[in-house]
């Protein structure tokens, strides 16, 4: 049986390695999670444009809870460091998902919770987080149905494809 802390450490190293492979400068904060004077985020990552302080949590499937103090410390550190605060969650057999602390569900006791369904539906997945893709939902697709090219653009492209127009004529018509 894997001790919870060992699994969390392994997941943090996995996140650090994935961010490194995605081109981020990244490090684990060695004192995170231990009884130190300063509360530090688990991971610091930057790609020259965006800088993140990440509190990383993993679960086998149960909801993930964070204390109000953990979130306060993350936000405080992020503001002082000049980083964007993020909570990274990973459920077994799923990818990492990221949330701004302000987007997390707050319990009556002042703690924070992320359910697996919430992570999958509303979280920013790893590929979007590192800038390799953009998450598209069914709602986005419905909203974008009317945003296609207008008929005149399609007519010009069809004429070019048939050979009725050369590239310069088509380009001039599309300007």
N, C-alpha and C. Protein backbone atom coordinates (compact mmCIF):
# COMPACT_ATOMS: atom_id res chain seq x y z
N UNK A 1 0.84 -1.19 0.00
CA UNK A 1 0.00 0.00 0.00
C UNK A 1 0.89 1.25 0.00
N UNK A 2 0.53 2.22 -0.85
CA UNK A 2 1.30 3.46 -0.95
C UNK A 2 0.79 4.44 0.10
N UNK A 3 1.69 4.98 0.86
CA UNK A 3 1.32 5.99 1.85
C UNK A 3 0.91 7.25 1.10
N UNK A 4 -0.13 7.92 1.58
CA UNK A 4 -0.71 9.08 0.92
C UNK A 4 0.34 10.13 0.56
N UNK A 5 1.24 10.43 1.49
CA UNK A 5 2.27 11.44 1.24
C UNK A 5 3.20 11.03 0.11
N UNK A 6 3.56 9.75 0.06
CA UNK A 6 4.42 9.26 -1.02
C UNK A 6 3.73 9.42 -2.36
N UNK A 7 2.42 9.10 -2.40
CA UNK A 7 1.67 9.24 -3.64
C UNK A 7 1.60 10.71 -4.06
N UNK A 8 1.36 11.60 -3.09
CA UNK A 8 1.32 13.03 -3.39
C UNK A 8 2.65 13.53 -3.91
N UNK A 9 3.75 13.08 -3.29
CA UNK A 9 5.08 13.48 -3.75
C UNK A 9 5.32 12.98 -5.18
N UNK A 10 4.89 11.75 -5.45
CA UNK A 10 5.07 11.17 -6.79
C UNK A 10 4.27 11.98 -7.82
N UNK A 11 3.04 12.34 -7.45
CA UNK A 11 2.19 13.13 -8.36
C UNK A 11 2.81 14.52 -8.60
N UNK A 12 3.36 15.13 -7.55
CA UNK A 12 4.02 16.44 -7.73
C UNK A 12 5.20 16.31 -8.68
N UNK A 13 6.02 15.27 -8.50
CA UNK A 13 7.16 15.07 -9.40
C UNK A 13 6.69 14.84 -10.84
N UNK A 14 5.60 14.10 -10.98
CA UNK A 14 5.02 13.86 -12.30
C UNK A 14 4.60 15.18 -12.95
N UNK A 15 3.96 16.07 -12.18
CA UNK A 15 3.55 17.37 -12.69
C UNK A 15 4.77 18.20 -13.07
N UNK A 16 5.78 18.22 -12.21
CA UNK A 16 7.01 18.96 -12.50
C UNK A 16 7.64 18.47 -13.80
N UNK A 17 7.73 17.16 -13.98
CA UNK A 17 8.32 16.60 -15.20
C UNK A 17 7.50 16.95 -16.44
N UNK A 18 6.17 16.89 -16.33
CA UNK A 18 5.31 17.22 -17.47
C UNK A 18 5.44 18.69 -17.85
N UNK A 19 5.49 19.57 -16.85
CA UNK A 19 5.66 21.00 -17.14
C UNK A 19 7.02 21.26 -17.77
N UNK A 20 8.06 20.57 -17.27
CA UNK A 20 9.40 20.70 -17.84
C UNK A 20 9.39 20.28 -19.30
N UNK A 21 8.76 19.16 -19.60
CA UNK A 21 8.69 18.67 -20.99
C UNK A 21 7.91 19.62 -21.88
N UNK A 22 6.99 20.39 -21.29
CA UNK A 22 6.19 21.35 -22.05
C UNK A 22 6.91 22.68 -22.23
N UNK A 23 8.16 22.78 -21.74
CA UNK A 23 8.96 23.98 -21.96
C UNK A 23 8.96 24.98 -20.83
N UNK A 24 8.41 24.62 -19.68
CA UNK A 24 8.40 25.53 -18.53
C UNK A 24 9.68 25.36 -17.72
N UNK A 25 10.14 26.44 -17.13
CA UNK A 25 11.14 26.35 -16.06
C UNK A 25 10.31 26.04 -14.82
N UNK A 26 10.68 24.99 -14.10
CA UNK A 26 9.81 24.52 -13.04
C UNK A 26 10.60 23.94 -11.88
N UNK A 27 10.04 24.09 -10.67
CA UNK A 27 10.67 23.47 -9.51
C UNK A 27 9.62 23.16 -8.46
N UNK A 28 9.88 22.12 -7.70
CA UNK A 28 9.05 21.82 -6.53
C UNK A 28 9.60 22.64 -5.37
N UNK A 29 8.71 23.17 -4.57
CA UNK A 29 9.14 23.88 -3.38
C UNK A 29 9.46 22.83 -2.32
N UNK A 30 10.72 22.71 -1.91
CA UNK A 30 11.11 21.61 -1.02
C UNK A 30 10.43 21.63 0.34
N UNK A 31 10.00 22.79 0.80
CA UNK A 31 9.41 22.86 2.14
C UNK A 31 7.89 22.79 2.10
N UNK A 32 7.31 22.65 0.91
CA UNK A 32 5.85 22.65 0.85
C UNK A 32 5.30 21.46 1.63
N UNK A 33 4.20 21.69 2.30
CA UNK A 33 3.54 20.62 3.03
C UNK A 33 4.17 20.26 4.36
N UNK A 34 5.32 20.83 4.69
CA UNK A 34 5.94 20.49 5.98
C UNK A 34 5.74 21.65 6.95
N UNK A 35 6.03 21.41 8.19
CA UNK A 35 5.80 22.44 9.21
C UNK A 35 6.93 23.45 9.19
N UNK A 36 6.84 24.40 8.28
CA UNK A 36 7.85 25.45 8.18
C UNK A 36 7.23 26.78 8.60
N UNK A 37 8.06 27.76 8.76
CA UNK A 37 7.56 29.09 9.10
C UNK A 37 6.75 29.68 7.95
N UNK A 38 7.18 29.37 6.72
CA UNK A 38 6.53 29.94 5.54
C UNK A 38 5.73 28.86 4.82
N UNK A 39 4.53 29.23 4.41
CA UNK A 39 3.73 28.32 3.59
C UNK A 39 4.09 28.58 2.13
N UNK A 40 4.59 27.57 1.46
CA UNK A 40 4.99 27.69 0.07
C UNK A 40 4.10 26.83 -0.82
N UNK A 41 3.89 27.25 -2.07
CA UNK A 41 3.13 26.40 -2.99
C UNK A 41 3.96 25.15 -3.31
N UNK A 42 3.31 24.13 -3.84
CA UNK A 42 4.01 22.88 -4.16
C UNK A 42 4.95 23.03 -5.35
N UNK A 43 4.52 23.82 -6.34
CA UNK A 43 5.27 23.92 -7.59
C UNK A 43 5.30 25.37 -8.05
N UNK A 44 6.45 25.81 -8.54
CA UNK A 44 6.60 27.10 -9.21
C UNK A 44 6.95 26.81 -10.67
N UNK A 45 6.26 27.47 -11.59
CA UNK A 45 6.50 27.21 -13.01
C UNK A 45 6.34 28.49 -13.81
N UNK A 46 7.19 28.66 -14.81
CA UNK A 46 7.09 29.81 -15.69
C UNK A 46 7.62 29.49 -17.06
N UNK A 47 7.07 30.17 -18.06
CA UNK A 47 7.53 29.96 -19.43
C UNK A 47 8.03 31.25 -20.07
N UNK A 48 8.38 32.23 -19.26
CA UNK A 48 8.86 33.51 -19.78
C UNK A 48 7.74 34.52 -19.95
N UNK A 49 6.51 34.04 -20.03
CA UNK A 49 5.36 34.94 -20.16
C UNK A 49 4.41 34.81 -18.99
N UNK A 50 4.16 33.58 -18.62
CA UNK A 50 3.26 33.29 -17.51
C UNK A 50 4.03 32.61 -16.40
N UNK A 51 3.74 33.03 -15.17
CA UNK A 51 4.38 32.44 -13.99
C UNK A 51 3.28 31.96 -13.05
N UNK A 52 3.41 30.73 -12.59
CA UNK A 52 2.38 30.11 -11.77
C UNK A 52 2.95 29.62 -10.45
N UNK A 53 2.15 29.79 -9.40
CA UNK A 53 2.39 29.14 -8.12
C UNK A 53 1.25 28.13 -8.00
N UNK A 54 1.61 26.85 -7.89
CA UNK A 54 0.60 25.79 -7.98
C UNK A 54 0.56 24.97 -6.69
N UNK A 55 -0.63 24.82 -6.16
CA UNK A 55 -0.88 23.89 -5.06
C UNK A 55 -1.41 22.63 -5.74
N UNK A 56 -0.68 21.53 -5.62
CA UNK A 56 -1.02 20.28 -6.32
C UNK A 56 -1.66 19.29 -5.36
N UNK A 57 -2.79 18.72 -5.78
CA UNK A 57 -3.49 17.72 -4.97
C UNK A 57 -3.92 16.58 -5.87
N UNK A 58 -3.90 15.37 -5.31
CA UNK A 58 -4.36 14.22 -6.09
C UNK A 58 -5.28 13.36 -5.23
N UNK A 59 -6.11 12.56 -5.92
CA UNK A 59 -7.06 11.71 -5.22
C UNK A 59 -7.38 10.50 -6.08
N UNK A 60 -7.75 9.41 -5.41
CA UNK A 60 -8.15 8.21 -6.14
C UNK A 60 -9.54 8.36 -6.74
N UNK A 61 -10.27 9.33 -6.33
CA UNK A 61 -11.62 9.52 -6.85
C UNK A 61 -12.51 10.31 -5.92
N UNK A 62 -12.15 10.33 -4.63
CA UNK A 62 -12.92 11.11 -3.67
C UNK A 62 -12.70 12.59 -3.96
N UNK A 63 -13.65 13.44 -3.53
CA UNK A 63 -13.42 14.88 -3.70
C UNK A 63 -12.11 15.31 -3.02
N UNK A 64 -11.49 16.32 -3.59
CA UNK A 64 -10.26 16.88 -3.03
C UNK A 64 -10.65 18.11 -2.21
N UNK A 65 -10.15 18.16 -0.99
CA UNK A 65 -10.42 19.29 -0.11
C UNK A 65 -9.12 20.04 0.16
N UNK A 66 -9.23 21.36 0.21
CA UNK A 66 -8.11 22.23 0.58
C UNK A 66 -8.61 23.13 1.70
N UNK A 67 -7.76 23.36 2.66
CA UNK A 67 -8.16 24.23 3.77
C UNK A 67 -8.14 25.69 3.31
N UNK A 68 -8.92 26.50 4.01
CA UNK A 68 -8.90 27.93 3.73
C UNK A 68 -7.51 28.51 3.89
N UNK A 69 -6.75 27.97 4.86
CA UNK A 69 -5.38 28.46 5.09
C UNK A 69 -4.47 28.13 3.91
N UNK A 70 -4.64 26.95 3.32
CA UNK A 70 -3.81 26.59 2.15
C UNK A 70 -4.06 27.56 1.00
N UNK A 71 -5.32 27.87 0.76
CA UNK A 71 -5.67 28.78 -0.34
C UNK A 71 -5.20 30.19 -0.04
N UNK A 72 -5.39 30.65 1.19
CA UNK A 72 -4.91 31.98 1.57
C UNK A 72 -3.40 32.09 1.38
N UNK A 73 -2.66 31.07 1.82
CA UNK A 73 -1.21 31.08 1.69
C UNK A 73 -0.80 31.08 0.21
N UNK A 74 -1.50 30.31 -0.62
CA UNK A 74 -1.20 30.27 -2.05
C UNK A 74 -1.41 31.64 -2.69
N UNK A 75 -2.53 32.26 -2.38
CA UNK A 75 -2.84 33.58 -2.95
C UNK A 75 -1.85 34.62 -2.45
N UNK A 76 -1.54 34.60 -1.16
CA UNK A 76 -0.60 35.56 -0.58
C UNK A 76 0.78 35.42 -1.23
N UNK A 77 1.27 34.18 -1.31
CA UNK A 77 2.58 33.95 -1.93
C UNK A 77 2.56 34.42 -3.39
N UNK A 78 1.53 34.06 -4.11
CA UNK A 78 1.43 34.40 -5.53
C UNK A 78 1.47 35.90 -5.75
N UNK A 79 0.73 36.64 -4.93
CA UNK A 79 0.72 38.10 -5.07
C UNK A 79 2.10 38.68 -4.81
N UNK A 80 2.78 38.21 -3.78
CA UNK A 80 4.10 38.73 -3.44
C UNK A 80 5.16 38.32 -4.45
N UNK A 81 4.99 37.15 -5.03
CA UNK A 81 5.99 36.61 -5.96
C UNK A 81 5.74 37.11 -7.39
N UNK A 82 4.53 37.53 -7.68
CA UNK A 82 4.19 37.96 -9.03
C UNK A 82 3.76 36.80 -9.92
N UNK A 83 3.19 35.78 -9.30
CA UNK A 83 2.74 34.60 -10.05
C UNK A 83 1.22 34.52 -10.02
N UNK A 84 0.68 33.72 -10.92
CA UNK A 84 -0.75 33.45 -10.94
C UNK A 84 -1.00 32.23 -10.04
N UNK A 85 -1.90 32.35 -9.07
CA UNK A 85 -2.18 31.20 -8.20
C UNK A 85 -3.05 30.19 -8.94
N UNK A 86 -2.68 28.92 -8.84
CA UNK A 86 -3.49 27.85 -9.44
C UNK A 86 -3.50 26.65 -8.51
N UNK A 87 -4.64 25.97 -8.50
CA UNK A 87 -4.75 24.69 -7.81
C UNK A 87 -4.79 23.64 -8.90
N UNK A 88 -3.82 22.72 -8.86
CA UNK A 88 -3.78 21.61 -9.81
C UNK A 88 -4.31 20.36 -9.15
N UNK A 89 -5.28 19.71 -9.78
CA UNK A 89 -5.85 18.48 -9.21
C UNK A 89 -5.71 17.35 -10.21
N UNK A 90 -5.48 16.16 -9.67
CA UNK A 90 -5.38 14.99 -10.52
C UNK A 90 -6.08 13.83 -9.83
N UNK A 91 -7.02 13.26 -10.55
CA UNK A 91 -7.72 12.08 -10.07
C UNK A 91 -7.15 10.88 -10.81
N UNK A 92 -7.12 9.73 -10.15
CA UNK A 92 -6.57 8.52 -10.77
C UNK A 92 -7.17 8.30 -12.16
N UNK A 93 -6.32 7.92 -13.10
CA UNK A 93 -6.67 7.65 -14.48
C UNK A 93 -7.21 8.87 -15.22
N UNK A 94 -6.89 10.06 -14.72
CA UNK A 94 -7.26 11.31 -15.39
C UNK A 94 -6.02 12.19 -15.48
N UNK A 95 -6.12 13.23 -16.29
CA UNK A 95 -5.04 14.19 -16.46
C UNK A 95 -5.10 15.23 -15.34
N UNK A 96 -4.16 16.13 -15.35
CA UNK A 96 -4.18 17.26 -14.41
C UNK A 96 -5.20 18.28 -14.90
N UNK A 97 -5.89 18.90 -13.97
CA UNK A 97 -6.81 20.00 -14.25
C UNK A 97 -6.48 21.14 -13.30
N UNK A 98 -6.62 22.36 -13.80
CA UNK A 98 -6.19 23.53 -13.04
C UNK A 98 -7.34 24.51 -12.84
N UNK A 99 -7.31 25.14 -11.66
CA UNK A 99 -8.34 26.10 -11.29
C UNK A 99 -7.70 27.32 -10.66
N UNK A 100 -8.27 28.49 -10.91
CA UNK A 100 -7.93 29.66 -10.12
C UNK A 100 -8.62 29.46 -8.77
N UNK A 101 -7.98 29.82 -7.67
CA UNK A 101 -8.61 29.61 -6.36
C UNK A 101 -10.00 30.21 -6.24
N UNK A 102 -10.23 31.32 -6.91
CA UNK A 102 -11.54 31.97 -6.85
C UNK A 102 -12.64 31.19 -7.54
N UNK A 103 -12.28 30.20 -8.34
CA UNK A 103 -13.27 29.39 -9.06
C UNK A 103 -13.61 28.10 -8.33
N UNK A 104 -13.00 27.87 -7.17
CA UNK A 104 -13.26 26.64 -6.43
C UNK A 104 -14.54 26.76 -5.59
N UNK A 105 -15.18 25.64 -5.36
CA UNK A 105 -16.36 25.59 -4.51
C UNK A 105 -15.92 25.79 -3.06
N UNK A 106 -16.60 26.69 -2.36
CA UNK A 106 -16.28 26.95 -0.96
C UNK A 106 -17.32 26.24 -0.09
N UNK A 107 -16.85 25.46 0.86
CA UNK A 107 -17.75 24.75 1.78
C UNK A 107 -18.25 25.71 2.85
N UNK A 108 -19.27 25.28 3.59
CA UNK A 108 -19.81 26.11 4.68
C UNK A 108 -18.75 26.40 5.74
N UNK A 109 -17.78 25.49 5.90
CA UNK A 109 -16.73 25.67 6.90
C UNK A 109 -15.57 26.53 6.43
N UNK A 110 -15.66 27.08 5.21
CA UNK A 110 -14.60 27.95 4.72
C UNK A 110 -13.45 27.21 4.06
N UNK A 111 -13.63 25.93 3.78
CA UNK A 111 -12.64 25.16 3.04
C UNK A 111 -13.04 25.11 1.57
N UNK A 112 -12.22 24.46 0.76
CA UNK A 112 -12.47 24.41 -0.67
C UNK A 112 -12.54 22.96 -1.13
N UNK A 113 -13.37 22.71 -2.15
CA UNK A 113 -13.57 21.34 -2.62
C UNK A 113 -13.57 21.30 -4.14
N UNK A 114 -12.97 20.21 -4.68
CA UNK A 114 -13.04 19.94 -6.11
C UNK A 114 -13.49 18.49 -6.27
N UNK A 115 -14.62 18.30 -6.92
CA UNK A 115 -15.09 16.96 -7.24
C UNK A 115 -14.53 16.57 -8.60
N UNK A 116 -14.40 15.27 -8.83
CA UNK A 116 -13.88 14.77 -10.10
C UNK A 116 -14.71 15.29 -11.28
N UNK A 117 -16.04 15.24 -11.14
CA UNK A 117 -16.91 15.71 -12.24
C UNK A 117 -16.67 17.18 -12.54
N UNK A 118 -16.45 17.97 -11.49
CA UNK A 118 -16.19 19.40 -11.66
C UNK A 118 -14.87 19.62 -12.39
N UNK A 119 -13.86 18.84 -12.00
CA UNK A 119 -12.55 18.98 -12.65
C UNK A 119 -12.67 18.69 -14.14
N UNK A 120 -13.35 17.60 -14.49
CA UNK A 120 -13.46 17.22 -15.89
C UNK A 120 -14.30 18.22 -16.69
N UNK A 121 -15.34 18.76 -16.07
CA UNK A 121 -16.24 19.67 -16.78
C UNK A 121 -15.72 21.11 -16.85
N UNK A 122 -15.15 21.59 -15.75
CA UNK A 122 -14.83 23.02 -15.66
C UNK A 122 -13.35 23.35 -15.54
N UNK A 123 -12.51 22.35 -15.26
CA UNK A 123 -11.09 22.62 -15.09
C UNK A 123 -10.39 22.88 -16.42
N UNK A 124 -9.27 23.56 -16.33
CA UNK A 124 -8.40 23.77 -17.50
C UNK A 124 -7.49 22.54 -17.58
N UNK A 125 -7.58 21.80 -18.69
CA UNK A 125 -6.75 20.59 -18.78
C UNK A 125 -5.29 20.94 -19.03
N UNK A 126 -4.43 19.95 -18.91
CA UNK A 126 -2.99 20.19 -18.98
C UNK A 126 -2.59 20.84 -20.31
N UNK A 127 -3.09 20.32 -21.41
CA UNK A 127 -2.69 20.84 -22.72
C UNK A 127 -3.08 22.31 -22.88
N UNK A 128 -4.24 22.69 -22.37
CA UNK A 128 -4.63 24.10 -22.44
C UNK A 128 -3.80 24.93 -21.46
N UNK A 129 -3.53 24.38 -20.29
CA UNK A 129 -2.75 25.10 -19.29
C UNK A 129 -1.37 25.48 -19.83
N UNK A 130 -0.72 24.58 -20.56
CA UNK A 130 0.61 24.85 -21.08
C UNK A 130 0.57 25.54 -22.45
N UNK A 131 -0.63 25.86 -22.93
CA UNK A 131 -0.77 26.63 -24.16
C UNK A 131 -0.71 25.82 -25.44
N UNK A 132 -0.91 24.50 -25.36
CA UNK A 132 -0.84 23.66 -26.56
C UNK A 132 -2.18 23.47 -27.23
N UNK A 133 -3.27 23.78 -26.53
CA UNK A 133 -4.60 23.65 -27.12
C UNK A 133 -5.56 24.53 -26.36
N UNK A 134 -6.78 24.59 -26.86
CA UNK A 134 -7.80 25.34 -26.17
C UNK A 134 -9.01 24.44 -26.02
N UNK A 135 -9.50 24.33 -24.81
CA UNK A 135 -10.64 23.47 -24.52
C UNK A 135 -11.88 24.02 -25.22
N UNK A 136 -12.60 23.14 -25.92
CA UNK A 136 -13.83 23.52 -26.59
C UNK A 136 -14.95 22.65 -26.02
N UNK A 137 -16.00 23.30 -25.56
CA UNK A 137 -17.13 22.56 -25.00
C UNK A 137 -18.27 22.53 -26.02
N UNK A 138 -19.26 21.70 -25.77
CA UNK A 138 -20.43 21.65 -26.66
C UNK A 138 -21.13 23.00 -26.70
N UNK A 139 -21.17 23.70 -25.57
CA UNK A 139 -21.78 25.04 -25.55
C UNK A 139 -21.03 25.98 -26.47
N UNK A 140 -19.69 25.89 -26.48
CA UNK A 140 -18.90 26.74 -27.37
C UNK A 140 -19.24 26.45 -28.82
N UNK A 141 -19.40 25.17 -29.17
CA UNK A 141 -19.71 24.80 -30.54
C UNK A 141 -21.08 25.34 -30.95
N UNK A 142 -22.05 25.27 -30.05
CA UNK A 142 -23.38 25.80 -30.35
C UNK A 142 -23.31 27.31 -30.58
N UNK A 143 -22.53 28.01 -29.75
CA UNK A 143 -22.39 29.47 -29.89
C UNK A 143 -21.69 29.84 -31.19
N UNK A 144 -20.78 28.98 -31.65
CA UNK A 144 -19.98 29.29 -32.83
C UNK A 144 -20.65 28.91 -34.15
N UNK A 145 -21.82 28.27 -34.10
CA UNK A 145 -22.45 27.81 -35.34
C UNK A 145 -22.67 28.93 -36.33
N UNK A 146 -23.00 30.12 -35.85
CA UNK A 146 -23.29 31.25 -36.73
C UNK A 146 -22.03 31.99 -37.15
N UNK A 147 -20.87 31.60 -36.65
CA UNK A 147 -19.65 32.36 -36.87
C UNK A 147 -18.85 31.88 -38.07
N UNK A 148 -19.39 31.02 -38.90
CA UNK A 148 -18.64 30.51 -40.05
C UNK A 148 -18.44 31.58 -41.10
N UNK A 149 -17.66 31.29 -42.14
CA UNK A 149 -17.43 32.27 -43.20
C UNK A 149 -18.73 32.56 -43.94
N UNK A 150 -18.89 33.80 -44.41
CA UNK A 150 -20.12 34.10 -45.12
C UNK A 150 -20.07 33.52 -46.53
N UNK A 151 -21.21 33.51 -47.18
CA UNK A 151 -21.35 32.83 -48.48
C UNK A 151 -20.43 33.41 -49.54
N UNK A 152 -20.19 34.73 -49.52
CA UNK A 152 -19.34 35.32 -50.55
C UNK A 152 -17.90 34.80 -50.46
N UNK A 153 -17.42 34.60 -49.24
CA UNK A 153 -16.07 34.05 -49.06
C UNK A 153 -16.03 32.62 -49.59
N UNK A 154 -17.06 31.84 -49.26
CA UNK A 154 -17.12 30.46 -49.75
C UNK A 154 -17.18 30.40 -51.27
N UNK A 155 -17.91 31.34 -51.89
CA UNK A 155 -18.01 31.38 -53.36
C UNK A 155 -16.65 31.66 -53.99
N UNK A 156 -15.90 32.60 -53.42
CA UNK A 156 -14.57 32.93 -53.95
C UNK A 156 -13.64 31.72 -53.81
N UNK A 157 -13.67 31.07 -52.64
CA UNK A 157 -12.81 29.90 -52.43
C UNK A 157 -13.18 28.76 -53.38
N UNK A 158 -14.48 28.57 -53.62
CA UNK A 158 -14.92 27.52 -54.55
C UNK A 158 -14.44 27.84 -55.97
N UNK A 159 -14.55 29.10 -56.37
CA UNK A 159 -14.10 29.50 -57.71
C UNK A 159 -12.59 29.28 -57.86
N UNK A 160 -11.84 29.57 -56.81
CA UNK A 160 -10.39 29.34 -56.85
C UNK A 160 -10.12 27.83 -56.95
N UNK A 161 -10.83 27.05 -56.16
CA UNK A 161 -10.62 25.60 -56.16
C UNK A 161 -10.93 24.99 -57.53
N UNK A 162 -11.96 25.51 -58.22
CA UNK A 162 -12.32 25.01 -59.56
C UNK A 162 -11.34 25.48 -60.62
N UNK A 163 -10.54 26.51 -60.30
CA UNK A 163 -9.61 27.05 -61.28
C UNK A 163 -10.16 28.24 -62.04
N UNK A 164 -11.33 28.73 -61.64
CA UNK A 164 -11.93 29.89 -62.30
C UNK A 164 -11.18 31.18 -61.96
N UNK A 165 -10.49 31.19 -60.80
CA UNK A 165 -9.71 32.36 -60.38
C UNK A 165 -8.30 31.91 -60.04
N UNK A 166 -7.31 32.79 -60.32
CA UNK A 166 -5.98 32.46 -59.84
C UNK A 166 -5.83 33.02 -58.42
N UNK A 167 -4.72 32.73 -57.78
CA UNK A 167 -4.54 33.10 -56.37
C UNK A 167 -4.62 34.60 -56.14
N UNK A 168 -4.04 35.39 -57.05
CA UNK A 168 -4.06 36.84 -56.89
C UNK A 168 -5.47 37.40 -57.01
N UNK A 169 -6.26 36.87 -57.97
CA UNK A 169 -7.64 37.33 -58.13
C UNK A 169 -8.46 36.99 -56.87
N UNK A 170 -8.29 35.77 -56.38
CA UNK A 170 -9.03 35.34 -55.19
C UNK A 170 -8.65 36.20 -53.99
N UNK A 171 -7.35 36.45 -53.82
CA UNK A 171 -6.89 37.27 -52.69
C UNK A 171 -7.45 38.67 -52.77
N UNK A 172 -7.48 39.24 -53.98
CA UNK A 172 -8.00 40.60 -54.15
C UNK A 172 -9.48 40.65 -53.80
N UNK A 173 -10.22 39.62 -54.15
CA UNK A 173 -11.65 39.58 -53.87
C UNK A 173 -11.94 39.40 -52.38
N UNK A 174 -11.01 38.78 -51.67
CA UNK A 174 -11.22 38.52 -50.24
C UNK A 174 -10.77 39.68 -49.36
N UNK A 175 -10.07 40.65 -49.91
CA UNK A 175 -9.60 41.78 -49.09
C UNK A 175 -10.72 42.68 -48.67
